[in-house]
Protein backbone atom coordinates (compact mmCIF):
# COMPACT_ATOMS: atom_id res chain seq x y z
CA MET A 1 -0.11 -0.02 -0.27
CA SER A 2 1.39 3.53 -0.89
CA THR A 3 1.29 6.33 0.51
CA SER A 4 1.03 10.56 -0.04
CA PRO A 5 4.17 12.03 1.51
CA PHE A 6 1.38 13.67 3.63
CA GLU A 7 0.15 10.75 5.31
CA SER A 8 4.08 9.79 5.62
CA LEU A 9 4.72 12.77 7.51
CA MET A 10 1.47 12.62 9.51
CA THR A 11 2.06 8.10 10.59
CA SER A 12 5.88 9.54 11.21
CA LEU A 13 4.69 11.82 14.15
CA ASP A 14 3.25 9.08 16.11
CA ARG A 15 0.79 11.02 17.65
CA PRO A 16 -0.76 10.49 21.03
CA MET A 17 -4.62 9.52 21.55
CA VAL A 18 -7.06 10.91 23.88
CA VAL A 19 -11.00 10.37 24.38
CA VAL A 20 -13.36 13.51 24.93
CA THR A 21 -16.46 13.24 26.30
CA THR A 22 -19.19 15.88 26.37
CA VAL A 23 -22.83 15.44 28.12
CA VAL A 24 -26.10 17.51 26.40
CA GLY A 25 -29.20 17.23 28.53
CA GLU A 26 -29.45 13.71 29.38
CA GLU A 27 -27.65 12.54 25.63
CA ARG A 28 -23.82 11.68 26.43
CA GLY A 29 -21.06 10.56 24.38
CA GLY A 30 -17.77 9.79 24.09
CA CYS A 31 -14.86 8.91 21.12
CA LEU A 32 -11.42 8.46 20.16
CA VAL A 33 -9.93 11.47 18.74
CA GLY A 34 -6.06 11.59 17.78
CA PHE A 35 -6.24 15.06 16.34
CA HIS A 36 -5.27 17.79 19.27
CA ALA A 37 -2.81 19.84 20.30
CA GLN A 38 -1.83 22.77 23.31
CA SER A 39 -3.25 26.17 21.28
CA SER A 40 -2.61 29.16 23.79
CA ILE A 41 0.18 28.92 26.77
CA GLU A 42 -1.71 32.39 27.78
CA PRO A 43 -4.43 31.87 28.61
CA GLU A 44 -4.43 28.46 28.93
CA ARG A 45 -5.97 26.79 25.42
CA TYR A 46 -6.04 23.46 23.74
CA SER A 47 -7.42 22.58 20.06
CA LEU A 48 -9.41 19.25 19.41
CA TRP A 49 -10.16 18.06 15.71
CA LEU A 50 -13.63 16.25 16.10
CA SER A 51 -14.95 13.77 13.60
CA LYS A 52 -17.91 15.06 11.84
CA ALA A 53 -18.61 11.98 11.05
CA ASN A 54 -18.78 11.04 14.96
CA HIS A 55 -22.08 11.27 17.25
CA THR A 56 -19.61 13.21 19.68
CA TYR A 57 -19.15 15.85 17.07
CA ARG A 58 -23.11 16.62 17.35
CA LEU A 59 -23.15 16.68 20.96
CA ALA A 60 -20.35 19.21 21.48
CA LEU A 61 -21.53 21.50 18.51
CA ARG A 62 -24.74 22.11 21.72
CA ALA A 63 -22.05 21.42 24.75
CA SER A 64 -20.48 23.98 27.29
CA HIS A 65 -17.74 22.05 28.47
CA LEU A 66 -16.15 18.31 27.57
CA ALA A 67 -13.44 16.49 29.27
CA ILE A 68 -10.27 15.56 27.32
CA HIS A 69 -8.69 12.20 29.14
CA PHE A 70 -5.30 11.28 28.13
CA LEU A 71 -4.69 7.51 27.33
CA GLY A 72 -1.92 6.11 29.02
CA ARG A 73 0.07 3.40 27.65
CA ASP A 74 -2.31 0.45 29.00
CA ASP A 75 -5.85 1.87 27.69
CA LEU A 76 -6.12 0.38 24.43
CA LYS A 77 -9.67 -1.52 25.58
CA LEU A 78 -10.72 2.25 26.06
CA ALA A 79 -9.74 2.88 22.80
CA GLU A 80 -10.94 0.29 21.16
CA LEU A 81 -14.18 0.84 23.29
CA PHE A 82 -14.70 4.55 22.02
CA GLY A 83 -12.83 4.58 18.63
CA THR A 84 -14.77 1.58 17.20
CA LEU A 85 -17.73 1.81 18.13
CA SER A 86 -20.50 4.18 16.77
CA GLY A 87 -22.40 7.03 19.74
CA ASP A 88 -25.29 6.76 17.29
CA GLN A 89 -26.51 3.13 18.48
CA VAL A 90 -24.31 2.41 21.02
CA ASP A 91 -23.76 4.57 24.13
CA LYS A 92 -20.35 3.70 24.87
CA LEU A 93 -20.27 5.68 28.50
CA SER A 94 -22.49 2.50 29.62
CA LEU A 95 -20.32 0.22 28.93
CA THR A 96 -16.42 1.63 31.14
CA GLU A 97 -16.97 2.85 34.80
CA THR A 98 -17.51 6.91 34.97
CA GLU A 99 -17.56 9.83 37.42
CA THR A 100 -20.12 12.82 37.42
CA GLY A 101 -18.33 16.49 36.90
CA THR A 102 -19.48 19.18 36.58
CA ASP A 103 -22.87 19.91 34.88
CA GLY A 104 -23.32 16.30 34.50
CA LEU A 105 -20.01 15.46 32.40
CA PRO A 106 -18.90 11.61 32.38
CA LEU A 107 -15.36 11.44 33.26
CA LEU A 108 -14.03 8.14 32.78
CA ALA A 109 -12.73 6.62 35.80
CA GLY A 110 -10.07 4.88 34.98
CA CYS A 111 -8.32 8.17 32.92
CA PRO A 112 -6.75 10.08 35.61
CA ASN A 113 -4.94 12.60 33.55
CA ARG A 114 -7.20 14.65 31.74
CA LEU A 115 -8.67 18.25 31.03
CA VAL A 116 -11.49 19.76 31.37
CA VAL A 117 -12.85 21.99 28.74
CA ARG A 118 -15.35 25.04 28.33
CA ARG A 119 -15.96 24.88 24.61
CA HIS A 120 -14.50 29.26 23.50
CA ALA A 121 -14.40 28.83 19.45
CA LEU A 122 -15.13 26.05 16.19
CA LEU A 123 -13.82 26.38 13.30
CA ASP A 124 -15.16 24.74 10.25
CA GLU A 125 -13.09 25.05 7.22
CA GLY A 126 -14.89 22.82 5.18
CA GLY A 127 -12.59 19.59 6.17
CA ASP A 128 -13.83 16.47 7.48
CA HIS A 129 -13.68 17.07 11.33
CA VAL A 130 -13.94 20.60 13.14
CA CYS A 131 -11.37 22.31 14.98
CA THR A 132 -12.94 23.39 18.71
CA VAL A 133 -10.66 25.27 20.67
CA THR A 134 -11.15 25.41 24.11
CA GLU A 135 -10.35 26.68 28.24
CA VAL A 136 -8.88 24.61 30.31
CA VAL A 137 -10.91 25.06 33.57
CA ASP A 138 -9.59 22.11 35.65
CA ALA A 139 -6.91 19.96 34.96
CA HIS A 140 -5.59 16.29 36.46
CA SER A 141 -2.56 14.29 36.74
CA THR A 142 -0.62 12.26 37.87
CA GLY A 143 2.71 12.81 36.98
CA PRO A 144 4.70 11.64 33.96
CA PHE A 145 2.49 8.94 32.31
CA GLU A 146 3.35 6.52 28.69
CA PRO A 147 0.70 7.52 26.23
CA LEU A 148 -1.25 5.32 24.54
CA LEU A 149 -0.03 6.48 20.02
CA LEU A 150 -1.15 6.62 17.31
CA SER A 151 1.05 3.33 15.90
CA HIS A 152 -0.84 1.44 18.64
CA VAL A 153 -4.38 1.77 17.62
CA GLU A 154 -3.90 2.30 14.32
CA HIS A 155 -5.10 -1.92 13.80
CA LEU A 156 -8.61 -0.29 14.89
CA VAL A 157 -11.89 -0.25 11.91
CA PRO A 158 -13.18 3.41 13.35
CA GLY A 159 -16.89 3.16 13.94
CA HIS A 160 -17.93 5.50 11.36
CA GLU A 161 -15.62 6.46 7.98
CA ALA A 162 -15.30 10.33 7.02
CA GLU A 163 -17.61 9.90 4.38
CA GLU A 164 -20.65 9.30 6.57
CA ARG A 165 -21.29 12.16 7.41
CA PRO A 166 -24.83 13.48 8.55
CA LEU A 167 -26.50 16.18 5.95
CA PRO A 168 -26.27 18.57 7.33
CA PRO A 169 -22.57 18.43 7.95
CA THR A 170 -22.45 21.39 10.16
CA GLU A 171 -24.79 24.13 11.19
CA ARG A 172 -24.22 26.06 8.63
CA GLY A 173 -25.50 23.09 6.00
CA GLY A 174 -28.75 23.09 4.90
């Protein structure tokens, strides 16, 4: 299988994986995310790119807060749960132990390294992911840890392909 130069560069980065969770009313969701990064030092900002195909993305459009759980090397089962099942058919959060944060925000009990963030801005430039810029409202860390990397989960089959995004694909659609 040949890859483009862009794909080769991105695969070489072997970025860490996170699980993002959120809630709107009684509806909860979570998904595995590989596109994320610190985006400001002051104020503290963290950005993540959510697939338009994901149930969690549609919740995040309406949610005020998100939780970003940094997966450790031993968290492959959580990556499988949140990366291979679709929140459109399954309440993934009911299949793992959670705690309830502020305003009902679901927190993964087994992931102590996490950020609780407030959605600050969205950027939809027309691709299959939307950039969600957030401001950090709370952070928890157990100290240095070995992250679960893209290379550890690249064998997983996603719950949705990028082409499966529902119509309209954004709030602007229609």
